[in-house]
C-alpha atoms as a PDB file:
ATOM      1  CA  UNK A   1      -0.068  -0.058  -0.068  1.00  0.00           C
ATOM      2  CA  UNK A   2       1.178   3.455  -0.859  1.00  0.00           C
ATOM      3  CA  UNK A   3       0.336   7.064   0.346  1.00  0.00           C
ATOM      4  CA  UNK A   4      -1.453   7.624  -2.813  1.00  0.00           C
ATOM      5  CA  UNK A   5      -3.658   4.376  -2.151  1.00  0.00           C
ATOM      6  CA  UNK A   6      -4.711   6.003   1.170  1.00  0.00           C
ATOM      7  CA  UNK A   7      -5.498   9.471  -0.445  1.00  0.00           C
ATOM      8  CA  UNK A   8      -7.489   7.781  -3.154  1.00  0.00           C
ATOM      9  CA  UNK A   9      -9.523   5.968  -0.582  1.00  0.00           C
ATOM     10  CA  UNK A  10     -10.009   9.231   1.461  1.00  0.00           C
ATOM     11  CA  UNK A  11     -11.357  10.958  -1.654  1.00  0.00           C
ATOM     12  CA  UNK A  12     -13.679   8.157  -2.430  1.00  0.00           C
ATOM     13  CA  UNK A  13     -15.072   7.745   1.190  1.00  0.00           C
ATOM     14  CA  UNK A  14     -15.603  11.583   1.799  1.00  0.00           C
ATOM     15  CA  UNK A  15     -17.752  11.528  -1.504  1.00  0.00           C
ATOM     16  CA  UNK A  16     -19.690   8.584  -0.398  1.00  0.00           C
ATOM     17  CA  UNK A  17     -20.721  10.080   3.017  1.00  0.00           C
ATOM     18  CA  UNK A  18     -21.079  13.634   1.608  1.00  0.00           C
ATOM     19  CA  UNK A  19     -18.404  15.166   3.779  1.00  0.00           C
ATOM     20  CA  UNK A  20     -17.660  17.864   1.339  1.00  0.00           C
ATOM     21  CA  UNK A  21     -21.097  19.374   1.365  1.00  0.00           C
ATOM     22  CA  UNK A  22     -22.401  18.013   4.739  1.00  0.00           C
ATOM     23  CA  UNK A  23     -24.861  20.792   5.561  1.00  0.00           C
ATOM     24  CA  UNK A  24     -26.831  20.244   2.220  1.00  0.00           C
ATOM     25  CA  UNK A  25     -26.335  16.473   2.769  1.00  0.00           C
ATOM     26  CA  UNK A  26     -28.262  16.536   6.004  1.00  0.00           C
ATOM     27  CA  UNK A  27     -30.375  19.734   5.202  1.00  0.00           C
ATOM     28  CA  UNK A  28     -28.849  21.539   8.192  1.00  0.00           C
ATOM     29  CA  UNK A  29     -26.904  24.809   8.546  1.00  0.00           C
ATOM     30  CA  UNK A  30     -23.849  23.068  10.010  1.00  0.00           C
ATOM     31  CA  UNK A  31     -20.666  21.699   8.565  1.00  0.00           C
ATOM     32  CA  UNK A  32     -19.216  18.316   9.273  1.00  0.00           C
ATOM     33  CA  UNK A  33     -16.929  19.751  12.001  1.00  0.00           C
ATOM     34  CA  UNK A  34     -19.693  21.752  13.482  1.00  0.00           C
ATOM     35  CA  UNK A  35     -22.019  18.684  13.634  1.00  0.00           C
ATOM     36  CA  UNK A  36     -19.182  16.632  15.256  1.00  0.00           C
ATOM     37  CA  UNK A  37     -18.752  19.152  17.995  1.00  0.00           C
ATOM     38  CA  UNK A  38     -22.486  19.334  18.612  1.00  0.00           C
ATOM     39  CA  UNK A  39     -22.522  15.445  18.702  1.00  0.00           C
ATOM     40  CA  UNK A  40     -19.809  15.360  21.388  1.00  0.00           C
ATOM     41  CA  UNK A  41     -21.704  17.896  23.502  1.00  0.00           C
ATOM     42  CA  UNK A  42     -24.914  15.872  23.193  1.00  0.00           C
ATOM     43  CA  UNK A  43     -23.248  12.813  24.317  1.00  0.00           C
ATOM     44  CA  UNK A  44     -20.877  14.261  26.960  1.00  0.00           C
ATOM     45  CA  UNK A  45     -23.134  16.440  29.239  1.00  0.00           C
ATOM     46  CA  UNK A  46     -20.075  17.726  31.312  1.00  0.00           C
ATOM     47  CA  UNK A  47     -17.621  18.814  28.634  1.00  0.00           C
ATOM     48  CA  UNK A  48     -15.556  21.864  28.573  1.00  0.00           C
ATOM     49  CA  UNK A  49     -13.746  23.570  25.682  1.00  0.00           C
ATOM     50  CA  UNK A  50     -10.372  22.020  26.631  1.00  0.00           C
ATOM     51  CA  UNK A  51     -11.803  18.492  26.480  1.00  0.00           C
ATOM     52  CA  UNK A  52     -13.457  19.286  23.015  1.00  0.00           C
ATOM     53  CA  UNK A  53     -10.112  20.633  21.755  1.00  0.00           C
ATOM     54  CA  UNK A  54      -8.165  17.482  22.759  1.00  0.00           C
ATOM     55  CA  UNK A  55     -10.827  14.979  21.730  1.00  0.00           C
ATOM     56  CA  UNK A  56     -11.343  16.406  18.376  1.00  0.00           C
ATOM     57  CA  UNK A  57      -7.764  17.691  17.732  1.00  0.00           C
ATOM     58  CA  UNK A  58      -9.070  21.160  16.759  1.00  0.00           C
ATOM     59  CA  UNK A  59      -7.370  24.427  16.715  1.00  0.00           C
ATOM     60  CA  UNK A  60      -8.376  26.543  19.746  1.00  0.00           C
ATOM     61  CA  UNK A  61      -9.404  29.494  17.563  1.00  0.00           C
ATOM     62  CA  UNK A  62     -11.383  27.353  15.223  1.00  0.00           C
ATOM     63  CA  UNK A  63     -13.227  25.785  18.154  1.00  0.00           C
ATOM     64  CA  UNK A  64     -13.857  29.046  19.635  1.00  0.00           C
ATOM     65  CA  UNK A  65     -15.535  30.291  16.504  1.00  0.00           C
ATOM     66  CA  UNK A  66     -17.783  27.214  16.387  1.00  0.00           C
ATOM     67  CA  UNK A  67     -18.664  27.746  19.964  1.00  0.00           C
ATOM     68  CA  UNK A  68     -19.446  31.404  19.381  1.00  0.00           C
ATOM     69  CA  UNK A  69     -21.788  30.582  16.393  1.00  0.00           C
ATOM     70  CA  UNK A  70     -23.552  27.841  18.575  1.00  0.00           C
ATOM     71  CA  UNK A  71     -24.001  30.468  21.446  1.00  0.00           C
ATOM     72  CA  UNK A  72     -25.504  32.948  18.984  1.00  0.00           C
ATOM     73  CA  UNK A  73     -27.840  30.319  17.700  1.00  0.00           C
ATOM     74  CA  UNK A  74     -28.907  29.504  21.222  1.00  0.00           C
ATOM     75  CA  UNK A  75     -27.570  25.966  21.101  1.00  0.00           C
ATOM     76  CA  UNK A  76     -25.021  26.058  24.097  1.00  0.00           C
ATOM     77  CA  UNK A  77     -24.400  27.941  27.388  1.00  0.00           C
ATOM     78  CA  UNK A  78     -20.773  28.466  28.666  1.00  0.00           C
ATOM     79  CA  UNK A  79     -20.024  28.839  32.326  1.00  0.00           C
ATOM     80  CA  UNK A  80     -16.922  28.764  34.463  1.00  0.00           C
ATOM     81  CA  UNK A  81     -16.088  25.252  35.664  1.00  0.00           C
ATOM     82  CA  UNK A  82     -16.540  24.722  39.387  1.00  0.00           C
ATOM     83  CA  UNK A  83     -13.509  22.485  39.559  1.00  0.00           C
ATOM     84  CA  UNK A  84     -11.203  24.872  37.656  1.00  0.00           C
ATOM     85  CA  UNK A  85     -12.063  28.413  37.254  1.00  0.00           C
ATOM     86  CA  UNK A  86      -9.552  28.633  34.270  1.00  0.00           C
ATOM     87  CA  UNK A  87     -11.727  26.150  32.250  1.00  0.00           C
ATOM     88  CA  UNK A  88     -15.152  26.928  30.543  1.00  0.00           C
ATOM     89  CA  UNK A  89     -17.864  24.398  30.831  1.00  0.00           C
ATOM     90  CA  UNK A  90     -20.004  24.055  27.724  1.00  0.00           C
ATOM     91  CA  UNK A  91     -23.555  22.625  27.927  1.00  0.00           C
ATOM     92  CA  UNK A  92     -26.301  22.362  25.425  1.00  0.00           C
ATOM     93  CA  UNK A  93     -29.498  24.187  25.895  1.00  0.00           C
ATOM     94  CA  UNK A  94     -32.936  22.562  25.212  1.00  0.00           C
ATOM     95  CA  UNK A  95     -32.725  23.996  21.686  1.00  0.00           C
ATOM     96  CA  UNK A  96     -29.307  22.553  21.488  1.00  0.00           C
ATOM     97  CA  UNK A  97     -30.607  19.116  22.484  1.00  0.00           C
ATOM     98  CA  UNK A  98     -33.189  19.206  19.949  1.00  0.00           C
ATOM     99  CA  UNK A  99     -30.893  20.318  17.166  1.00  0.00           C
ATOM    100  CA  UNK A 100     -28.471  17.434  18.164  1.00  0.00           C
ATOM    101  CA  UNK A 101     -31.270  14.963  18.004  1.00  0.00           C
ATOM    102  CA  UNK A 102     -32.453  16.182  14.478  1.00  0.00           C
ATOM    103  CA  UNK A 103     -28.951  15.997  13.196  1.00  0.00           C
ATOM    104  CA  UNK A 104     -28.527  12.553  14.782  1.00  0.00           C
ATOM    105  CA  UNK A 105     -31.775  11.359  13.119  1.00  0.00           C
ATOM    106  CA  UNK A 106     -30.683  12.737   9.723  1.00  0.00           C
ATOM    107  CA  UNK A 107     -27.161  11.223   9.832  1.00  0.00           C
ATOM    108  CA  UNK A 108     -28.769   7.858  10.849  1.00  0.00           C
ATOM    109  CA  UNK A 109     -31.139   7.983   7.994  1.00  0.00           C
ATOM    110  CA  UNK A 110     -28.427   8.918   5.588  1.00  0.00           C
ATOM    111  CA  UNK A 111     -26.094   6.124   6.735  1.00  0.00           C
ATOM    112  CA  UNK A 112     -29.161   3.690   6.589  1.00  0.00           C
ATOM    113  CA  UNK A 113     -29.788   4.625   3.026  1.00  0.00           C
ATOM    114  CA  UNK A 114     -26.078   3.897   2.186  1.00  0.00           C
ATOM    115  CA  UNK A 115     -26.200   0.636   3.922  1.00  0.00           C
ATOM    116  CA  UNK A 116     -29.405  -0.418   2.120  1.00  0.00           C
ATOM    117  CA  UNK A 117     -27.412  -0.557  -1.163  1.00  0.00           C
ATOM    118  CA  UNK A 118     -25.104  -3.103   0.433  1.00  0.00           C
ATOM    119  CA  UNK A 119     -26.360  -6.781  -0.024  1.00  0.00           C
ATOM    120  CA  UNK A 120     -26.983  -8.433   3.364  1.00  0.00           C
ATOM    121  CA  UNK A 121     -24.465 -11.224   2.662  1.00  0.00           C
ATOM    122  CA  UNK A 122     -21.823  -8.465   2.152  1.00  0.00           C
ATOM    123  CA  UNK A 123     -22.450  -6.614   5.430  1.00  0.00           C
ATOM    124  CA  UNK A 124     -20.404  -8.762   7.800  1.00  0.00           C
ATOM    125  CA  UNK A 125     -17.339  -8.432   5.492  1.00  0.00           C
ATOM    126  CA  UNK A 126     -17.790  -4.686   5.307  1.00  0.00           C
ATOM    127  CA  UNK A 127     -18.054  -4.563   9.019  1.00  0.00           C
ATOM    128  CA  UNK A 128     -14.866  -6.628   9.440  1.00  0.00           C
ATOM    129  CA  UNK A 129     -12.948  -4.496   7.067  1.00  0.00           C
ATOM    130  CA  UNK A 130     -14.142  -1.341   8.977  1.00  0.00           C
ATOM    131  CA  UNK A 131     -12.968  -2.947  12.255  1.00  0.00           C
ATOM    132  CA  UNK A 132      -9.617  -3.979  10.620  1.00  0.00           C
ATOM    133  CA  UNK A 133      -8.906  -0.303   9.519  1.00  0.00           C
ATOM    134  CA  UNK A 134      -9.742   1.027  12.889  1.00  0.00           C
ATOM    135  CA  UNK A 135      -7.651  -1.510  14.764  1.00  0.00           C
ATOM    136  CA  UNK A 136      -4.531  -1.096  12.643  1.00  0.00           C
ATOM    137  CA  UNK A 137      -4.652   2.855  12.655  1.00  0.00           C
ATOM    138  CA  UNK A 138      -5.255   2.955  16.433  1.00  0.00           C
ATOM    139  CA  UNK A 139      -1.913   0.889  16.798  1.00  0.00           C
ATOM    140  CA  UNK A 140      -3.706  -1.598  18.876  1.00  0.00           C
ATOM    141  CA  UNK A 141      -3.913   0.834  21.887  1.00  0.00           C
ATOM    142  CA  UNK A 142      -6.401  -0.105  24.615  1.00  0.00           C
ATOM    143  CA  UNK A 143      -9.785   1.693  24.709  1.00  0.00           C
ATOM    144  CA  UNK A 144      -9.818   4.940  26.521  1.00  0.00           C
ATOM    145  CA  UNK A 145     -12.671   6.651  28.500  1.00  0.00           C
ATOM    146  CA  UNK A 146     -13.257   9.223  25.927  1.00  0.00           C
ATOM    147  CA  UNK A 147     -13.697   6.392  23.175  1.00  0.00           C
ATOM    148  CA  UNK A 148     -17.001   5.530  24.832  1.00  0.00           C
ATOM    149  CA  UNK A 149     -20.218   7.491  23.529  1.00  0.00           C
ATOM    150  CA  UNK A 150     -23.497   7.586  25.304  1.00  0.00           C
ATOM    151  CA  UNK A 151     -26.313   7.743  22.868  1.00  0.00           C
ATOM    152  CA  UNK A 152     -30.032   7.047  22.542  1.00  0.00           C
ATOM    153  CA  UNK A 153     -31.071   3.493  21.434  1.00  0.00           C
ATOM    154  CA  UNK A 154     -31.327   2.597  17.766  1.00  0.00           C
ATOM    155  CA  UNK A 155     -33.070  -0.272  16.083  1.00  0.00           C
ATOM    156  CA  UNK A 156     -32.242  -3.584  17.979  1.00  0.00           C
ATOM    157  CA  UNK A 157     -30.764  -1.883  21.112  1.00  0.00           C
ATOM    158  CA  UNK A 158     -33.739  -2.581  23.152  1.00  0.00           C
ATOM    159  CA  UNK A 159     -33.476  -6.303  22.186  1.00  0.00           C
ATOM    160  CA  UNK A 160     -29.776  -6.241  23.036  1.00  0.00           C
ATOM    161  CA  UNK A 161     -30.670  -4.911  26.677  1.00  0.00           C
ATOM    162  CA  UNK A 162     -32.812  -8.021  27.310  1.00  0.00           C
ATOM    163  CA  UNK A 163     -30.272 -10.463  25.789  1.00  0.00           C
ATOM    164  CA  UNK A 164     -27.263  -9.024  27.510  1.00  0.00           C
ATOM    165  CA  UNK A 165     -28.994  -8.661  30.914  1.00  0.00           C
ATOM    166  CA  UNK A 166     -30.280 -12.311  30.723  1.00  0.00           C
ATOM    167  CA  UNK A 167     -26.854 -13.697  29.629  1.00  0.00           C
ATOM    168  CA  UNK A 168     -24.696 -11.646  31.980  1.00  0.00           C
ATOM    169  CA  UNK A 169     -26.765 -12.262  35.099  1.00  0.00           C
ATOM    170  CA  UNK A 170     -26.987 -15.899  34.362  1.00  0.00           C
ATOM    171  CA  UNK A 171     -23.174 -16.096  33.980  1.00  0.00           C
ATOM    172  CA  UNK A 172     -22.133 -13.908  36.896  1.00  0.00           C
ATOM    173  CA  UNK A 173     -24.946 -14.641  39.394  1.00  0.00           C
ATOM    174  CA  UNK A 174     -26.691 -17.639  38.276  1.00  0.00           C
ATOM    175  CA  UNK A 175     -30.066 -16.031  37.718  1.00  0.00           C
ATOM    176  CA  UNK A 176     -32.495 -18.257  35.870  1.00  0.00           C
ATOM    177  CA  UNK A 177     -34.900 -17.398  33.009  1.00  0.00           C
ATOM    178  CA  UNK A 178     -37.375 -15.620  35.400  1.00  0.00           C
ATOM    179  CA  UNK A 179     -34.915 -12.688  35.284  1.00  0.00           C
ATOM    180  CA  UNK A 180     -35.006 -12.671  31.550  1.00  0.00           C
ATOM    181  CA  UNK A 181     -38.759 -12.463  31.707  1.00  0.00           C
ATOM    182  CA  UNK A 182     -38.633  -9.450  34.083  1.00  0.00           C
ATOM    183  CA  UNK A 183     -36.230  -7.476  31.960  1.00  0.00           C
ATOM    184  CA  UNK A 184     -38.294  -8.328  28.732  1.00  0.00           C
ATOM    185  CA  UNK A 185     -41.387  -6.966  30.473  1.00  0.00           C
ATOM    186  CA  UNK A 186     -39.628  -3.782  31.585  1.00  0.00           C
ATOM    187  CA  UNK A 187     -38.191  -3.142  28.118  1.00  0.00           C
ATOM    188  CA  UNK A 188     -41.521  -4.028  26.334  1.00  0.00           C
ATOM    189  CA  UNK A 189     -43.437  -1.558  28.539  1.00  0.00           C
ATOM    190  CA  UNK A 190     -40.883   1.192  27.619  1.00  0.00           C
ATOM    191  CA  UNK A 191     -41.152   0.494  23.864  1.00  0.00           C
ATOM    192  CA  UNK A 192     -44.835   0.352  23.763  1.00  0.00           C
ATOM    193  CA  UNK A 193     -45.498   3.462  25.964  1.00  0.00           C
ATOM    194  CA  UNK A 194     -43.135   6.054  27.316  1.00  0.00           C
ATOM    195  CA  UNK A 195     -43.096   9.830  27.503  1.00  0.00           C
ATOM    196  CA  UNK A 196     -39.773  10.950  25.813  1.00  0.00           C
ATOM    197  CA  UNK A 197     -39.794  14.168  27.789  1.00  0.00           C
ATOM    198  CA  UNK A 198     -39.794  12.221  31.126  1.00  0.00           C
ATOM    199  CA  UNK A 199     -38.375   8.753  30.271  1.00  0.00           C
ATOM    200  CA  UNK A 200     -35.172   7.808  28.471  1.00  0.00           C
ATOM    201  CA  UNK A 201     -32.808   4.992  27.681  1.00  0.00           C
ATOM    202  CA  UNK A 202     -28.982   5.428  27.245  1.00  0.00           C
ATOM    203  CA  UNK A 203     -26.727   3.012  25.356  1.00  0.00           C
ATOM    204  CA  UNK A 204     -22.990   3.216  25.995  1.00  0.00           C
ATOM    205  CA  UNK A 205     -21.112   2.371  22.784  1.00  0.00           C
ATOM    206  CA  UNK A 206     -17.417   1.538  22.233  1.00  0.00           C
ATOM    207  CA  UNK A 207     -15.928   0.877  18.792  1.00  0.00           C
ATOM    208  CA  UNK A 208     -19.237   0.642  17.171  1.00  0.00           C
ATOM    209  CA  UNK A 209     -20.767  -1.879  19.587  1.00  0.00           C
ATOM    210  CA  UNK A 210     -22.964  -1.488  22.640  1.00  0.00           C
ATOM    211  CA  UNK A 211     -21.194  -2.066  25.964  1.00  0.00           C
ATOM    212  CA  UNK A 212     -23.671  -0.738  28.489  1.00  0.00           C
ATOM    213  CA  UNK A 213     -27.146   0.460  29.176  1.00  0.00           C
ATOM    214  CA  UNK A 214     -29.440   2.185  31.745  1.00  0.00           C
ATOM    215  CA  UNK A 215     -32.980   3.428  31.758  1.00  0.00           C
ATOM    216  CA  UNK A 216     -34.810   6.346  33.495  1.00  0.00           C
ATOM    217  CA  UNK A 217     -38.649   5.767  33.851  1.00  0.00           C
ATOM    218  CA  UNK A 218     -41.397   7.215  35.874  1.00  0.00           C
ATOM    219  CA  UNK A 219     -42.082   5.606  39.175  1.00  0.00           C
ATOM    220  CA  UNK A 220     -45.511   5.133  40.700  1.00  0.00           C
ATOM    221  CA  UNK A 221     -44.783   7.680  43.365  1.00  0.00           C
ATOM    222  CA  UNK A 222     -45.330  11.375  42.583  1.00  0.00           C
ATOM    223  CA  UNK A 223     -42.372  13.368  41.141  1.00  0.00           C
ATOM    224  CA  UNK A 224     -40.139  10.222  41.404  1.00  0.00           C
ATOM    225  CA  UNK A 225     -38.035   8.675  38.663  1.00  0.00           C
ATOM    226  CA  UNK A 226     -36.660   5.110  38.624  1.00  0.00           C
ATOM    227  CA  UNK A 227     -33.298   3.833  37.461  1.00  0.00           C
ATOM    228  CA  UNK A 228     -33.490   0.568  35.903  1.00  0.00           C
ATOM    229  CA  UNK A 229     -31.321  -2.125  34.031  1.00  0.00           C
ATOM    230  CA  UNK A 230     -27.908  -0.592  34.585  1.00  0.00           C
ATOM    231  CA  UNK A 231     -25.350  -2.910  32.831  1.00  0.00           C
ATOM    232  CA  UNK A 232     -21.794  -2.603  31.703  1.00  0.00           C
ATOM    233  CA  UNK A 233     -20.131  -5.423  29.719  1.00  0.00           C
ATOM    234  CA  UNK A 234     -17.202  -7.164  31.552  1.00  0.00           C
ATOM    235  CA  UNK A 235     -14.659  -6.356  28.900  1.00  0.00           C
ATOM    236  CA  UNK A 236     -15.569  -2.573  29.066  1.00  0.00           C
ATOM    237  CA  UNK A 237     -15.412  -2.204  32.782  1.00  0.00           C
ATOM    238  CA  UNK A 238     -12.720   0.120  34.320  1.00  0.00           C
ATOM    239  CA  UNK A 239     -13.676   2.958  31.792  1.00  0.00           C
ATOM    240  CA  UNK A 240     -15.950   4.792  34.140  1.00  0.00           C
ATOM    241  CA  UNK A 241     -19.013   3.613  32.078  1.00  0.00           C
ATOM    242  CA  UNK A 242     -21.088   2.934  35.045  1.00  0.00           C
ATOM    243  CA  UNK A 243     -20.436   6.280  36.477  1.00  0.00           C
ATOM    244  CA  UNK A 244     -21.335   8.050  33.242  1.00  0.00           C
ATOM    245  CA  UNK A 245     -24.545   6.121  32.914  1.00  0.00           C
ATOM    246  CA  UNK A 246     -25.667   6.923  36.410  1.00  0.00           C
ATOM    247  CA  UNK A 247     -24.579  10.536  36.184  1.00  0.00           C
ATOM    248  CA  UNK A 248     -26.595  10.702  32.802  1.00  0.00           C
ATOM    249  CA  UNK A 249     -29.819   9.499  34.595  1.00  0.00           C
ATOM    250  CA  UNK A 250     -29.340  11.867  37.494  1.00  0.00           C
ATOM    251  CA  UNK A 251     -28.739  14.879  35.394  1.00  0.00           C
ATOM    252  CA  UNK A 252     -31.772  14.078  33.193  1.00  0.00           C
ATOM    253  CA  UNK A 253     -34.156  13.316  36.083  1.00  0.00           C
ATOM    254  CA  UNK A 254     -32.978  16.556  37.737  1.00  0.00           C
ATOM    255  CA  UNK A 255     -33.291  18.597  34.544  1.00  0.00           C
ATOM    256  CA  UNK A 256     -36.885  17.451  33.759  1.00  0.00           C
ATOM    257  CA  UNK A 257     -37.981  18.251  37.328  1.00  0.00           C
ATOM    258  CA  UNK A 258     -38.103  14.871  39.310  1.00  0.00           C
ATOM    259  CA  UNK A 259     -37.837  15.341  43.054  1.00  0.00           C
ATOM    260  CA  UNK A 260     -36.408  11.823  43.887  1.00  0.00           C
ATOM    261  CA  UNK A 261     -34.717   9.052  41.973  1.00  0.00           C
ATOM    262  CA  UNK A 262     -35.042   5.668  43.216  1.00  0.00           C
ATOM    263  CA  UNK A 263     -33.869   2.214  42.285  1.00  0.00           C
ATOM    264  CA  UNK A 264     -34.081  -1.406  43.407  1.00  0.00           C
ATOM    265  CA  UNK A 265     -31.239  -3.933  43.342  1.00  0.00           C
ATOM    266  CA  UNK A 266     -29.927  -6.932  45.234  1.00  0.00           C
ATOM    267  CA  UNK A 267     -27.063  -7.157  47.775  1.00  0.00           C
ATOM    268  CA  UNK A 268     -25.001  -9.582  45.598  1.00  0.00           C
ATOM    269  CA  UNK A 269     -24.504  -6.541  43.174  1.00  0.00           C
ATOM    270  CA  UNK A 270     -21.765  -5.108  45.621  1.00  0.00           C
ATOM    271  CA  UNK A 271     -20.020  -2.967  42.959  1.00  0.00           C
ATOM    272  CA  UNK A 272     -23.205  -1.348  41.883  1.00  0.00           C
ATOM    273  CA  UNK A 273     -24.043  -0.475  45.551  1.00  0.00           C
ATOM    274  CA  UNK A 274     -20.679   1.153  45.866  1.00  0.00           C
ATOM    275  CA  UNK A 275     -21.380   3.031  42.694  1.00  0.00           C
ATOM    276  CA  UNK A 276     -24.876   4.308  43.829  1.00  0.00           C
ATOM    277  CA  UNK A 277     -23.233   5.484  46.994  1.00  0.00           C
ATOM    278  CA  UNK A 278     -20.685   7.479  45.196  1.00  0.00           C
ATOM    279  CA  UNK A 279     -23.448   9.358  43.501  1.00  0.00           C
ATOM    280  CA  UNK A 280     -25.444  10.098  46.741  1.00  0.00           C
ATOM    281  CA  UNK A 281     -27.845   7.518  46.764  1.00  0.00           C
ATOM    282  CA  UNK A 282     -29.032   6.199  50.252  1.00  0.00           C
ATOM    283  CA  UNK A 283     -29.916   2.734  51.135  1.00  0.00           C
ATOM    284  CA  UNK A 284     -33.371   3.042  52.608  1.00  0.00           C
ATOM    285  CA  UNK A 285     -34.691  -0.585  52.935  1.00  0.00           C
ATOM    286  CA  UNK A 286     -33.658  -4.300  52.601  1.00  0.00           C
ATOM    287  CA  UNK A 287     -35.752  -7.425  52.365  1.00  0.00           C
ATOM    288  CA  UNK A 288     -34.953 -11.003  51.906  1.00  0.00           C
ATOM    289  CA  UNK A 289     -36.748 -12.731  49.058  1.00  0.00           C
ATOM    290  CA  UNK A 290     -36.231 -15.741  46.596  1.00  0.00           C
ATOM    291  CA  UNK A 291     -36.271 -14.634  43.064  1.00  0.00           C
ATOM    292  CA  UNK A 292     -34.566 -15.794  39.835  1.00  0.00           C
ATOM    293  CA  UNK A 293     -33.816 -19.193  41.317  1.00  0.00           C
ATOM    294  CA  UNK A 294     -31.730 -17.607  44.112  1.00  0.00           C
ATOM    295  CA  UNK A 295     -32.013 -16.568  47.824  1.00  0.00           C
ATOM    296  CA  UNK A 296     -31.363 -12.831  47.708  1.00  0.00           C
ATOM    297  CA  UNK A 297     -31.628  -9.595  49.767  1.00  0.00           C
ATOM    298  CA  UNK A 298     -33.466  -6.874  47.855  1.00  0.00           C
ATOM    299  CA  UNK A 299     -32.327  -3.365  48.423  1.00  0.00           C
ATOM    300  CA  UNK A 300     -34.119  -0.054  47.852  1.00  0.00           C
ATOM    301  CA  UNK A 301     -32.001   3.084  47.206  1.00  0.00           C
ATOM    302  CA  UNK A 302     -33.053   6.645  47.010  1.00  0.00           C
ATOM    303  CA  UNK A 303     -31.489  10.053  45.873  1.00  0.00           C
ATOM    304  CA  UNK A 304     -32.878  13.411  46.666  1.00  0.00           C
ATOM    305  CA  UNK A 305     -32.328  15.277  43.465  1.00  0.00           C
ATOM    306  CA  UNK A 306     -32.700  18.618  44.951  1.00  0.00           C
ATOM    307  CA  UNK A 307     -30.753  18.158  48.119  1.00  0.00           C
ATOM    308  CA  UNK A 308     -27.596  16.723  46.408  1.00  0.00           C
ATOM    309  CA  UNK A 309     -25.158  18.867  44.767  1.00  0.00           C
ATOM    310  CA  UNK A 310     -24.159  18.303  41.293  1.00  0.00           C
END
């Protein structure tokens, strides 16, 4: 392979994805770089300008102009970081989140249209080739925290939540098929009837594959949200994914006006309990029970969303 081979491929691929005229390609007033910055902000709710510069390898002046444009369009707010006054925290406004969702929807439709031209029998080969390119050009480095993206579920992701919860809990805790049935009902209820303004699912993605998930749904108690089905794949642990998923639920629940956030788990999930404690949850009740083929101790945890600092 020569330099010219790679350059030729780059020209081919940028034409395929419409990178040279991205705003027209997605019917949006933002370039490819601007859309990527917006994407990072949408999937990293606590990002500052320095993080964005490092993650996207952007010139400081160029990034500043992009953020100025976003601020003028009402997409972002910039405040001084509490942890370091020298840094500027960048967060999306409600309008920014809606714009991000619209761009995400149009980008997904665009890629879906491209993928529809590839015969089903050829898609595994295409996926393997893309993985090979990413692996070789990343020099085999281990995954980093910033490689993980939090996103909304796409087609098939809700089914993945059921399958991975069932398989993982069977392997790690010996739960039987009753647990799979419970997860399937929870996911089906969400899929069939949920309020997108008050309920949400997050998928953690690493190298193009889902590696974690969590749900935020309305509880029966007034002004109360419930955290459900938190999961992180074993080979993706140690990257702070659980912390990010829990923080995403807390920020969302607080932002839409819930007063309390609750969850139910079992004492055998000791690492999860420590995670909840780190985020301010308090253990309020325990009760022995037999479920999923095991003798367990159920635990109820609660977080006062307006009595806990961010």
